[in-house]
C-alpha atoms as a PDB file:
ATOM      1  CA  MET A   1       0.013   0.014   0.011  1.00  0.00           C
ATOM      2  CA  SER A   2       1.365   3.446  -0.825  1.00  0.00           C
ATOM      3  CA  GLY A   3       1.262   6.681   1.360  1.00  0.00           C
ATOM      4  CA  ILE A   4      -1.724   8.033  -0.540  1.00  0.00           C
ATOM      5  CA  THR A   5      -4.668   5.882  -1.585  1.00  0.00           C
ATOM      6  CA  THR A   6      -8.270   6.615  -2.792  1.00  0.00           C
ATOM      7  CA  HIS A   7     -11.582   4.871  -3.414  1.00  0.00           C
ATOM      8  CA  ILE A   8     -14.359   6.220  -5.320  1.00  0.00           C
ATOM      9  CA  LEU A   9     -17.805   5.169  -4.951  1.00  0.00           C
ATOM     10  CA  ASP A  10     -20.748   5.997  -7.353  1.00  0.00           C
ATOM     11  CA  LEU A  11     -23.692   6.876  -5.082  1.00  0.00           C
ATOM     12  CA  SER A  12     -26.112   7.138  -7.887  1.00  0.00           C
ATOM     13  CA  ARG A  13     -25.559   3.384  -8.825  1.00  0.00           C
ATOM     14  CA  GLY A  14     -24.566   2.022  -5.359  1.00  0.00           C
ATOM     15  CA  ARG A  15     -21.362   0.718  -6.803  1.00  0.00           C
ATOM     16  CA  PRO A  16     -17.816   1.205  -6.872  1.00  0.00           C
ATOM     17  CA  ALA A  17     -16.781   3.572  -9.739  1.00  0.00           C
ATOM     18  CA  GLY A  18     -14.315   1.625 -11.742  1.00  0.00           C
ATOM     19  CA  GLY A  19     -12.055   3.106 -14.524  1.00  0.00           C
ATOM     20  CA  VAL A  20     -11.905   6.656 -13.266  1.00  0.00           C
ATOM     21  CA  ALA A  21      -8.674   8.416 -14.038  1.00  0.00           C
ATOM     22  CA  VAL A  22      -7.054   9.717 -10.964  1.00  0.00           C
ATOM     23  CA  SER A  23      -3.781  11.787 -10.785  1.00  0.00           C
ATOM     24  CA  LEU A  24      -1.719  13.017  -7.702  1.00  0.00           C
ATOM     25  CA  ALA A  25       0.346  16.183  -7.573  1.00  0.00           C
ATOM     26  CA  ARG A  26       2.152  18.044  -4.936  1.00  0.00           C
ATOM     27  CA  ARG A  27       2.326  21.728  -4.683  1.00  0.00           C
ATOM     28  CA  SER A  28       5.627  23.192  -5.607  1.00  0.00           C
ATOM     29  CA  GLY A  29       5.967  26.931  -5.293  1.00  0.00           C
ATOM     30  CA  ASP A  30       3.217  28.527  -7.447  1.00  0.00           C
ATOM     31  CA  GLY A  31       2.508  25.264  -9.317  1.00  0.00           C
ATOM     32  CA  TRP A  32       2.129  21.625  -8.952  1.00  0.00           C
ATOM     33  CA  SER A  33       4.436  18.758  -9.703  1.00  0.00           C
ATOM     34  CA  GLU A  34       2.751  15.599 -10.981  1.00  0.00           C
ATOM     35  CA  LEU A  35       3.824  12.497  -8.906  1.00  0.00           C
ATOM     36  CA  GLY A  36       1.613   9.845 -10.562  1.00  0.00           C
ATOM     37  CA  GLY A  37      -1.760   8.533 -11.838  1.00  0.00           C
ATOM     38  CA  ALA A  38      -3.923   5.537 -12.371  1.00  0.00           C
ATOM     39  CA  ARG A  39      -7.262   4.299 -13.044  1.00  0.00           C
ATOM     40  CA  THR A  40      -9.505   2.942 -10.339  1.00  0.00           C
ATOM     41  CA  ASP A  41      -9.846  -0.841 -10.451  1.00  0.00           C
ATOM     42  CA  ALA A  42     -13.242  -2.657 -10.554  1.00  0.00           C
ATOM     43  CA  ASN A  43     -13.555  -1.995  -6.773  1.00  0.00           C
ATOM     44  CA  GLY A  44     -13.110   1.732  -7.418  1.00  0.00           C
ATOM     45  CA  ARG A  45      -9.637   1.657  -5.729  1.00  0.00           C
ATOM     46  CA  VAL A  46      -6.300   3.099  -6.632  1.00  0.00           C
ATOM     47  CA  PRO A  47      -3.698   1.635  -4.103  1.00  0.00           C
ATOM     48  CA  ASN A  48      -0.629   2.818  -5.676  1.00  0.00           C
ATOM     49  CA  LEU A  49      -0.454   6.641  -6.221  1.00  0.00           C
ATOM     50  CA  LEU A  50       2.962   6.772  -4.952  1.00  0.00           C
ATOM     51  CA  SER A  51       5.513   4.371  -6.161  1.00  0.00           C
ATOM     52  CA  GLY A  52       6.593   1.450  -4.092  1.00  0.00           C
ATOM     53  CA  ASP A  53       6.500   1.883  -0.330  1.00  0.00           C
ATOM     54  CA  THR A  54       6.978   5.819  -0.646  1.00  0.00           C
ATOM     55  CA  LYS A  55       5.494   7.632   2.158  1.00  0.00           C
ATOM     56  CA  ALA A  56       4.065  11.140   1.568  1.00  0.00           C
ATOM     57  CA  SER A  57       6.320  13.783   2.793  1.00  0.00           C
ATOM     58  CA  PRO A  58       4.529  16.850   4.414  1.00  0.00           C
ATOM     59  CA  GLY A  59       3.039  19.192   1.975  1.00  0.00           C
ATOM     60  CA  THR A  60      -0.079  20.236   0.148  1.00  0.00           C
ATOM     61  CA  TYR A  61      -1.400  17.456  -2.369  1.00  0.00           C
ATOM     62  CA  ARG A  62      -4.069  17.295  -5.042  1.00  0.00           C
ATOM     63  CA  LEU A  63      -6.045  14.556  -6.168  1.00  0.00           C
ATOM     64  CA  ARG A  64      -7.660  15.088  -9.616  1.00  0.00           C
ATOM     65  CA  CYS A  65     -10.442  12.631 -10.498  1.00  0.00           C
ATOM     66  CA  GLU A  66     -11.961  12.787 -13.994  1.00  0.00           C
ATOM     67  CA  THR A  67     -15.507  12.044 -12.994  1.00  0.00           C
ATOM     68  CA  GLY A  68     -17.072  13.693 -16.014  1.00  0.00           C
ATOM     69  CA  ALA A  69     -15.547  11.189 -18.320  1.00  0.00           C
ATOM     70  CA  TYR A  70     -16.671   8.300 -16.006  1.00  0.00           C
ATOM     71  CA  PHE A  71     -20.239   9.443 -15.979  1.00  0.00           C
ATOM     72  CA  SER A  72     -20.215   9.981 -19.615  1.00  0.00           C
ATOM     73  CA  SER A  73     -19.136   6.224 -20.127  1.00  0.00           C
ATOM     74  CA  GLN A  74     -22.147   5.280 -18.237  1.00  0.00           C
ATOM     75  CA  GLY A  75     -24.438   7.441 -20.516  1.00  0.00           C
ATOM     76  CA  VAL A  76     -25.000   9.912 -17.775  1.00  0.00           C
ATOM     77  CA  ALA A  77     -24.483  13.749 -18.047  1.00  0.00           C
ATOM     78  CA  SER A  78     -22.720  15.312 -14.939  1.00  0.00           C
ATOM     79  CA  PHE A  79     -22.208  18.599 -13.503  1.00  0.00           C
ATOM     80  CA  HIS A  80     -18.690  18.311 -12.569  1.00  0.00           C
ATOM     81  CA  PRO A  81     -16.248  17.465 -15.271  1.00  0.00           C
ATOM     82  CA  LEU A  82     -13.602  16.576 -12.747  1.00  0.00           C
ATOM     83  CA  VAL A  83     -13.250  16.661  -8.887  1.00  0.00           C
ATOM     84  CA  GLU A  84     -10.021  18.293  -7.437  1.00  0.00           C
ATOM     85  CA  ILE A  85      -9.296  17.353  -3.709  1.00  0.00           C
ATOM     86  CA  VAL A  86      -6.556  19.409  -2.260  1.00  0.00           C
ATOM     87  CA  PHE A  87      -5.342  18.299   1.341  1.00  0.00           C
ATOM     88  CA  GLU A  88      -2.428  18.692   3.645  1.00  0.00           C
ATOM     89  CA  VAL A  89      -0.156  16.042   4.736  1.00  0.00           C
ATOM     90  CA  ARG A  90       1.438  16.713   8.146  1.00  0.00           C
ATOM     91  CA  ASP A  91       3.088  13.491   9.042  1.00  0.00           C
ATOM     92  CA  GLY A  92       4.548  10.361   7.767  1.00  0.00           C
ATOM     93  CA  GLU A  93       1.347   8.274   7.935  1.00  0.00           C
ATOM     94  CA  ASP A  94      -0.540   6.730   5.236  1.00  0.00           C
ATOM     95  CA  TYR A  95      -3.511   8.826   3.841  1.00  0.00           C
ATOM     96  CA  HIS A  96      -6.741   7.421   2.443  1.00  0.00           C
ATOM     97  CA  VAL A  97      -8.858  10.007   0.690  1.00  0.00           C
ATOM     98  CA  PRO A  98     -12.344   8.433  -0.491  1.00  0.00           C
ATOM     99  CA  LEU A  99     -14.661  10.209  -3.012  1.00  0.00           C
ATOM    100  CA  LEU A 100     -18.205   9.667  -3.033  1.00  0.00           C
ATOM    101  CA  VAL A 101     -19.864  10.949  -6.290  1.00  0.00           C
ATOM    102  CA  SER A 102     -22.976  11.315  -8.112  1.00  0.00           C
ATOM    103  CA  PRO A 103     -23.830  13.166 -11.345  1.00  0.00           C
ATOM    104  CA  PHE A 104     -24.497  16.460  -9.476  1.00  0.00           C
ATOM    105  CA  GLY A 105     -22.433  16.207  -6.229  1.00  0.00           C
ATOM    106  CA  TYR A 106     -19.542  14.772  -4.357  1.00  0.00           C
ATOM    107  CA  THR A 107     -18.106  14.521  -0.887  1.00  0.00           C
ATOM    108  CA  THR A 108     -14.811  13.561   0.429  1.00  0.00           C
ATOM    109  CA  TYR A 109     -13.153  12.858   3.750  1.00  0.00           C
ATOM    110  CA  ARG A 110      -9.976  11.453   5.377  1.00  0.00           C
ATOM    111  CA  GLY A 111     -10.599   7.763   5.657  1.00  0.00           C
ATOM    112  CA  SER A 112      -8.421   4.986   7.342  1.00  0.00           C
END
């Protein structure tokens, strides 16, 4: 398991959101440095946003989830073409950042 993981659930279907493109970036000065990316698996999970057993160092991170493309592939129009979750890492712990989506809204939290 990497230091930053995510799990995306489609609340409108009551299922994991498989195939969603997710990228991870870290704030660097006035911009962002891309660290990695993947697509959610059939269970809606991405367990490997950082390579190997890398732990996230303190700083500001951004998860970008391509929810519009996901809903389009389901034949559903959506309000949000993408969801960006910006969060702070303050220690060397693992961070799990779940995302719950529907075509017209979303919520997120720090998971375990």
